[in-house]
N, C-alpha and C. Protein backbone atom coordinates (compact mmCIF):
# COMPACT_ATOMS: atom_id res chain seq x y z
N MET A 1 46.35 23.44 -0.12
CA MET A 1 45.23 22.06 0.91
C MET A 1 45.43 22.62 2.46
N ALA A 2 46.48 23.06 2.55
CA ALA A 2 46.69 24.75 3.77
C ALA A 2 45.51 25.40 4.22
N THR A 3 45.14 25.80 2.86
CA THR A 3 44.27 26.87 3.56
C THR A 3 42.63 26.44 3.85
N ARG A 4 42.63 24.48 3.32
CA ARG A 4 41.03 24.20 3.95
C ARG A 4 41.35 23.01 5.24
N GLY A 5 42.77 23.77 5.95
CA GLY A 5 43.08 23.55 6.93
C GLY A 5 43.61 21.82 7.13
N LEU A 6 43.83 21.55 5.97
CA LEU A 6 45.11 20.11 5.53
C LEU A 6 46.01 20.02 6.41
N SER A 7 46.49 18.82 6.79
CA SER A 7 47.83 19.41 7.55
C SER A 7 49.05 18.63 6.37
N ARG A 8 50.13 19.12 6.51
CA ARG A 8 51.66 18.64 5.30
C ARG A 8 50.95 17.04 5.48
N GLU A 9 51.07 16.51 6.28
CA GLU A 9 50.99 15.32 6.76
C GLU A 9 49.89 13.95 5.49
N ASP A 10 48.95 15.59 6.13
CA ASP A 10 47.28 14.98 5.49
C ASP A 10 47.42 15.11 3.26
N VAL A 11 48.04 15.60 3.71
CA VAL A 11 48.40 16.09 2.36
C VAL A 11 49.21 14.63 1.74
N GLU A 12 50.91 14.93 2.24
CA GLU A 12 51.68 13.44 1.53
C GLU A 12 50.83 12.39 1.42
N LYS A 13 49.73 11.88 2.60
CA LYS A 13 48.84 10.34 2.29
C LYS A 13 48.33 10.26 1.36
N ARG A 14 47.58 11.62 0.24
CA ARG A 14 46.58 11.69 -0.05
C ARG A 14 46.85 12.13 -1.63
N SER A 15 45.98 11.71 -2.93
CA SER A 15 47.15 12.63 -4.18
C SER A 15 44.91 11.70 -4.88
N MET A 16 45.04 12.93 -5.74
CA MET A 16 44.00 12.92 -6.52
C MET A 16 44.45 13.17 -8.09
N VAL A 17 43.86 12.72 -9.08
CA VAL A 17 43.22 12.74 -10.25
C VAL A 17 41.91 13.12 -10.63
N GLU A 18 42.08 13.99 -11.54
CA GLU A 18 40.52 14.22 -11.88
C GLU A 18 40.85 15.57 -13.45
N ASP A 19 40.19 14.95 -13.87
CA ASP A 19 39.59 15.43 -15.19
C ASP A 19 39.35 17.53 -15.27
N PRO A 20 40.38 17.79 -15.93
CA PRO A 20 40.58 19.25 -14.94
C PRO A 20 38.67 19.96 -15.65
N GLU A 21 38.34 19.19 -16.85
CA GLU A 21 36.54 19.45 -16.85
C GLU A 21 35.64 18.96 -16.35
N GLY A 22 35.89 18.50 -15.54
CA GLY A 22 35.08 18.67 -14.83
C GLY A 22 34.14 16.86 -15.25
N CYS A 23 34.34 16.36 -16.21
CA CYS A 23 33.49 15.80 -16.52
C CYS A 23 33.55 14.18 -16.58
N GLY A 24 34.76 14.05 -16.50
CA GLY A 24 34.93 12.77 -16.23
C GLY A 24 35.73 12.07 -14.33
N PRO A 25 35.88 10.32 -14.36
CA PRO A 25 36.16 10.61 -13.17
C PRO A 25 36.60 11.01 -12.25
N ARG A 26 36.97 10.96 -10.57
CA ARG A 26 37.95 11.45 -10.50
C ARG A 26 38.41 9.90 -9.66
N LEU A 27 40.23 9.74 -9.70
CA LEU A 27 40.46 8.77 -8.54
C LEU A 27 41.00 9.64 -7.31
N TYR A 28 41.05 8.91 -6.64
CA TYR A 28 41.49 9.27 -5.06
C TYR A 28 42.57 8.70 -4.57
N PHE A 29 43.49 8.69 -4.32
CA PHE A 29 44.16 7.37 -3.42
C PHE A 29 44.69 7.98 -2.14
N HIS A 30 45.07 7.11 -0.99
CA HIS A 30 45.11 7.64 0.33
C HIS A 30 46.17 6.30 0.61
N HIS A 31 47.29 6.02 0.81
CA HIS A 31 47.85 5.66 1.57
C HIS A 31 47.21 5.28 2.80
N ALA A 32 46.93 3.43 2.89
CA ALA A 32 46.57 3.20 4.37
C ALA A 32 48.14 2.30 4.95
N ALA A 33 47.90 2.76 5.81
CA ALA A 33 49.42 2.18 6.70
C ALA A 33 49.33 0.29 6.71
N GLY A 34 50.34 0.00 7.02
CA GLY A 34 50.01 -1.86 7.43
C GLY A 34 49.47 -2.68 6.23
N PRO A 35 49.86 -3.82 6.20
CA PRO A 35 48.96 -5.24 5.52
C PRO A 35 48.35 -5.18 5.27
N LYS A 36 47.65 -5.90 4.50
CA LYS A 36 46.26 -6.36 4.03
C LYS A 36 45.71 -7.29 4.54
N GLU A 37 44.52 -6.39 5.76
CA GLU A 37 44.18 -7.36 6.57
C GLU A 37 42.82 -7.76 6.35
N GLY A 38 41.77 -8.08 5.39
CA GLY A 38 40.32 -7.41 5.79
C GLY A 38 39.91 -6.58 4.23
N ARG A 39 41.20 -5.58 3.52
CA ARG A 39 41.27 -4.35 3.01
C ARG A 39 41.22 -4.33 2.09
N ASN A 40 40.07 -3.94 0.85
CA ASN A 40 40.22 -3.41 -0.29
C ASN A 40 42.11 -3.22 -0.57
N ARG A 41 42.88 -4.14 -1.56
CA ARG A 41 43.85 -2.61 -2.16
C ARG A 41 43.35 -1.78 -2.62
N ILE A 42 42.92 -2.01 -3.42
CA ILE A 42 41.56 -0.80 -4.18
C ILE A 42 40.86 -0.62 -3.49
N HIS A 43 40.81 0.57 -3.17
CA HIS A 43 38.85 1.01 -3.04
C HIS A 43 38.44 2.65 -3.78
N LEU A 44 36.66 1.84 -4.72
CA LEU A 44 37.84 2.94 -5.12
C LEU A 44 35.60 4.25 -4.73
N ASP A 45 36.12 5.33 -4.64
CA ASP A 45 34.96 6.66 -4.11
C ASP A 45 33.85 6.36 -6.03
N VAL A 46 32.43 6.23 -6.29
CA VAL A 46 31.94 7.01 -7.00
C VAL A 46 31.58 8.37 -6.08
N ASN A 47 31.79 8.52 -7.05
CA ASN A 47 30.72 10.15 -6.81
C ASN A 47 30.15 10.57 -7.69
N LEU A 48 28.57 11.35 -7.55
CA LEU A 48 27.57 12.04 -7.81
C LEU A 48 28.43 12.47 -8.99
N GLY A 49 29.32 13.08 -8.89
CA GLY A 49 29.65 14.44 -9.61
C GLY A 49 29.60 16.38 -9.06
N SER A 50 29.78 16.93 -9.82
CA SER A 50 29.97 17.71 -9.58
C SER A 50 27.80 18.77 -9.07
N GLN A 51 27.13 18.17 -9.61
CA GLN A 51 25.70 18.14 -9.33
C GLN A 51 25.20 18.05 -8.00
N HIS A 52 25.76 16.47 -7.39
CA HIS A 52 25.66 16.46 -6.36
C HIS A 52 25.05 17.43 -4.66
N ARG A 53 24.09 17.64 -4.65
CA ARG A 53 24.18 18.69 -3.62
C ARG A 53 23.42 18.80 -1.97
N ASP A 54 22.39 17.04 -1.99
CA ASP A 54 22.13 17.28 -0.25
C ASP A 54 22.52 15.24 -0.55
N LEU A 55 21.60 14.88 0.79
CA LEU A 55 22.22 13.83 1.19
C LEU A 55 20.71 12.97 0.56
N ALA A 56 19.52 13.45 0.13
CA ALA A 56 18.70 12.52 -0.06
C ALA A 56 19.02 12.03 -1.85
N GLU A 57 19.66 12.95 -2.49
CA GLU A 57 20.15 12.47 -4.16
C GLU A 57 21.26 11.68 -3.37
N LEU A 58 22.16 11.49 -2.42
CA LEU A 58 23.04 10.61 -1.99
C LEU A 58 21.59 9.37 -0.99
N GLU A 59 21.29 9.66 -1.05
CA GLU A 59 20.85 8.42 -0.67
C GLU A 59 19.63 8.09 -2.01
N ALA A 60 19.10 8.64 -2.49
CA ALA A 60 18.45 7.87 -3.48
C ALA A 60 19.70 6.84 -4.39
N GLU A 61 20.63 7.37 -4.41
CA GLU A 61 21.74 6.59 -5.22
C GLU A 61 21.84 4.88 -4.46
N LYS A 62 22.24 5.36 -3.01
CA LYS A 62 22.39 4.83 -3.09
C LYS A 62 21.35 2.58 -2.11
N ASP A 63 20.52 3.92 -2.78
CA ASP A 63 18.75 2.54 -2.30
C ASP A 63 19.33 2.85 -4.58
N ARG A 64 19.55 2.12 -5.21
CA ARG A 64 19.85 2.72 -5.81
C ARG A 64 20.35 0.85 -6.53
N LEU A 65 21.81 1.38 -5.55
CA LEU A 65 22.89 1.10 -5.50
C LEU A 65 22.71 -0.71 -4.79
N VAL A 66 21.58 -0.50 -4.17
CA VAL A 66 21.45 -1.80 -2.19
C VAL A 66 20.39 -2.70 -3.44
N GLY A 67 19.39 -2.17 -4.32
CA GLY A 67 18.74 -2.56 -5.21
C GLY A 67 19.70 -3.74 -6.74
N LEU A 68 20.86 -3.48 -6.70
CA LEU A 68 21.37 -4.19 -7.19
C LEU A 68 22.79 -4.84 -6.74
N GLY A 69 22.46 -5.01 -5.66
CA GLY A 69 23.18 -5.91 -4.71
C GLY A 69 24.16 -5.30 -3.45
N ALA A 70 24.06 -4.70 -3.82
CA ALA A 70 25.68 -3.37 -2.63
C ALA A 70 24.89 -4.08 -1.24
N THR A 71 25.62 -3.60 -0.26
CA THR A 71 24.48 -3.44 1.19
C THR A 71 25.96 -2.14 1.89
N VAL A 72 25.50 -1.62 2.73
CA VAL A 72 25.33 -0.48 3.15
C VAL A 72 26.39 -0.97 4.08
N VAL A 73 27.07 -0.22 4.35
CA VAL A 73 28.67 -0.64 5.80
C VAL A 73 28.17 0.50 7.10
N ARG A 74 27.82 2.29 6.16
CA ARG A 74 27.69 2.99 6.99
C ARG A 74 27.97 3.91 6.79
N LEU A 75 27.43 4.60 6.76
CA LEU A 75 26.96 6.50 6.47
C LEU A 75 28.35 7.73 7.56
N VAL A 76 29.28 7.81 7.24
CA VAL A 76 29.93 8.75 7.36
C VAL A 76 29.71 10.40 6.91
N ASP A 77 29.97 10.96 8.15
CA ASP A 77 30.21 12.22 8.02
C ASP A 77 30.93 12.75 9.30
N GLN A 78 31.85 13.76 7.91
CA GLN A 78 33.18 13.72 8.26
C GLN A 78 33.89 15.56 8.26
N ARG A 79 35.05 15.55 8.71
CA ARG A 79 35.18 16.64 8.52
C ARG A 79 36.70 17.44 8.45
N TRP A 80 37.30 17.39 7.14
CA TRP A 80 38.65 17.38 7.11
C TRP A 80 38.45 19.37 6.94
N GLY A 81 39.33 18.97 8.17
CA GLY A 81 39.60 21.19 8.12
C GLY A 81 38.24 22.01 8.15
N GLU A 82 37.94 22.21 6.75
CA GLU A 82 36.48 22.86 6.47
C GLU A 82 35.91 22.60 5.96
N ALA A 83 36.38 21.46 4.88
CA ALA A 83 35.87 20.49 4.06
C ALA A 83 34.89 19.08 4.72
N HIS A 84 33.95 19.63 4.76
CA HIS A 84 32.71 18.83 5.15
C HIS A 84 32.56 17.76 4.05
N GLU A 85 32.40 16.57 4.42
CA GLU A 85 32.17 15.23 3.18
C GLU A 85 30.24 14.56 4.23
N GLN A 86 30.78 14.02 3.19
CA GLN A 86 28.87 13.18 3.77
C GLN A 86 28.88 12.12 2.81
N TYR A 87 29.11 10.40 3.02
CA TYR A 87 29.12 9.50 2.13
C TYR A 87 28.88 7.79 2.78
N PHE A 88 28.38 7.13 2.43
CA PHE A 88 28.45 5.33 1.83
C PHE A 88 29.68 5.44 2.16
N GLN A 89 29.45 3.94 3.02
CA GLN A 89 30.81 2.56 2.42
C GLN A 89 29.29 2.21 2.33
N LEU A 90 30.02 1.34 1.27
CA LEU A 90 28.94 0.24 0.69
C LEU A 90 30.36 -1.02 0.39
N GLN A 91 29.78 -2.08 0.45
CA GLN A 91 30.10 -3.55 -0.02
C GLN A 91 29.15 -3.95 -1.32
N ASP A 92 30.45 -4.37 -1.83
CA ASP A 92 30.11 -5.29 -4.34
C ASP A 92 28.99 -6.46 -3.40
N PRO A 93 28.38 -7.81 -4.04
CA PRO A 93 28.07 -8.24 -3.86
C PRO A 93 28.79 -9.35 -3.51
N GLU A 94 30.87 -8.81 -3.98
CA GLU A 94 32.34 -9.78 -3.23
C GLU A 94 32.27 -9.22 -1.99
N GLY A 95 31.81 -8.37 -1.77
CA GLY A 95 32.63 -8.11 0.17
C GLY A 95 33.41 -6.43 -0.17
N ASN A 96 33.54 -6.00 -1.38
CA ASN A 96 34.88 -5.54 -2.04
C ASN A 96 33.75 -4.20 -1.42
N GLU A 97 34.27 -2.77 -0.57
CA GLU A 97 34.28 -2.26 0.00
C GLU A 97 34.32 -0.64 -0.99
N PHE A 98 33.89 0.40 -1.21
CA PHE A 98 33.66 1.26 -2.10
C PHE A 98 32.80 2.28 -1.08
N CYS A 99 33.36 3.78 -1.16
CA CYS A 99 31.72 4.06 -1.04
C CYS A 99 31.35 5.42 -2.20
N LEU A 100 30.14 5.42 -1.71
CA LEU A 100 29.03 6.65 -2.59
C LEU A 100 29.16 7.94 -1.73
N GLN A 101 29.26 8.87 -3.19
CA GLN A 101 29.88 10.70 -1.90
C GLN A 101 29.14 11.24 -3.23
């Protein structure tokens, strides 16, 4: 991970479980400091898969989820070292947050 620009502290607070064949879901875990105050205890990231290449595909899936009752919280555009990611933070109809990437 250091080769991707992440610090030791970044790596120690995050973990990922991923199908080695790339077919199944990826579960990403990270530490959230402090007690629960309006935040989910479990937060899911929905990944479009390895074929996802551009923001237009991400927006199309976001629009589909909004049609099913999700609401958009924000579009996130950030860098973790050399890694660049764009994703939508959304809420389900009950207010639980999840990310679409």
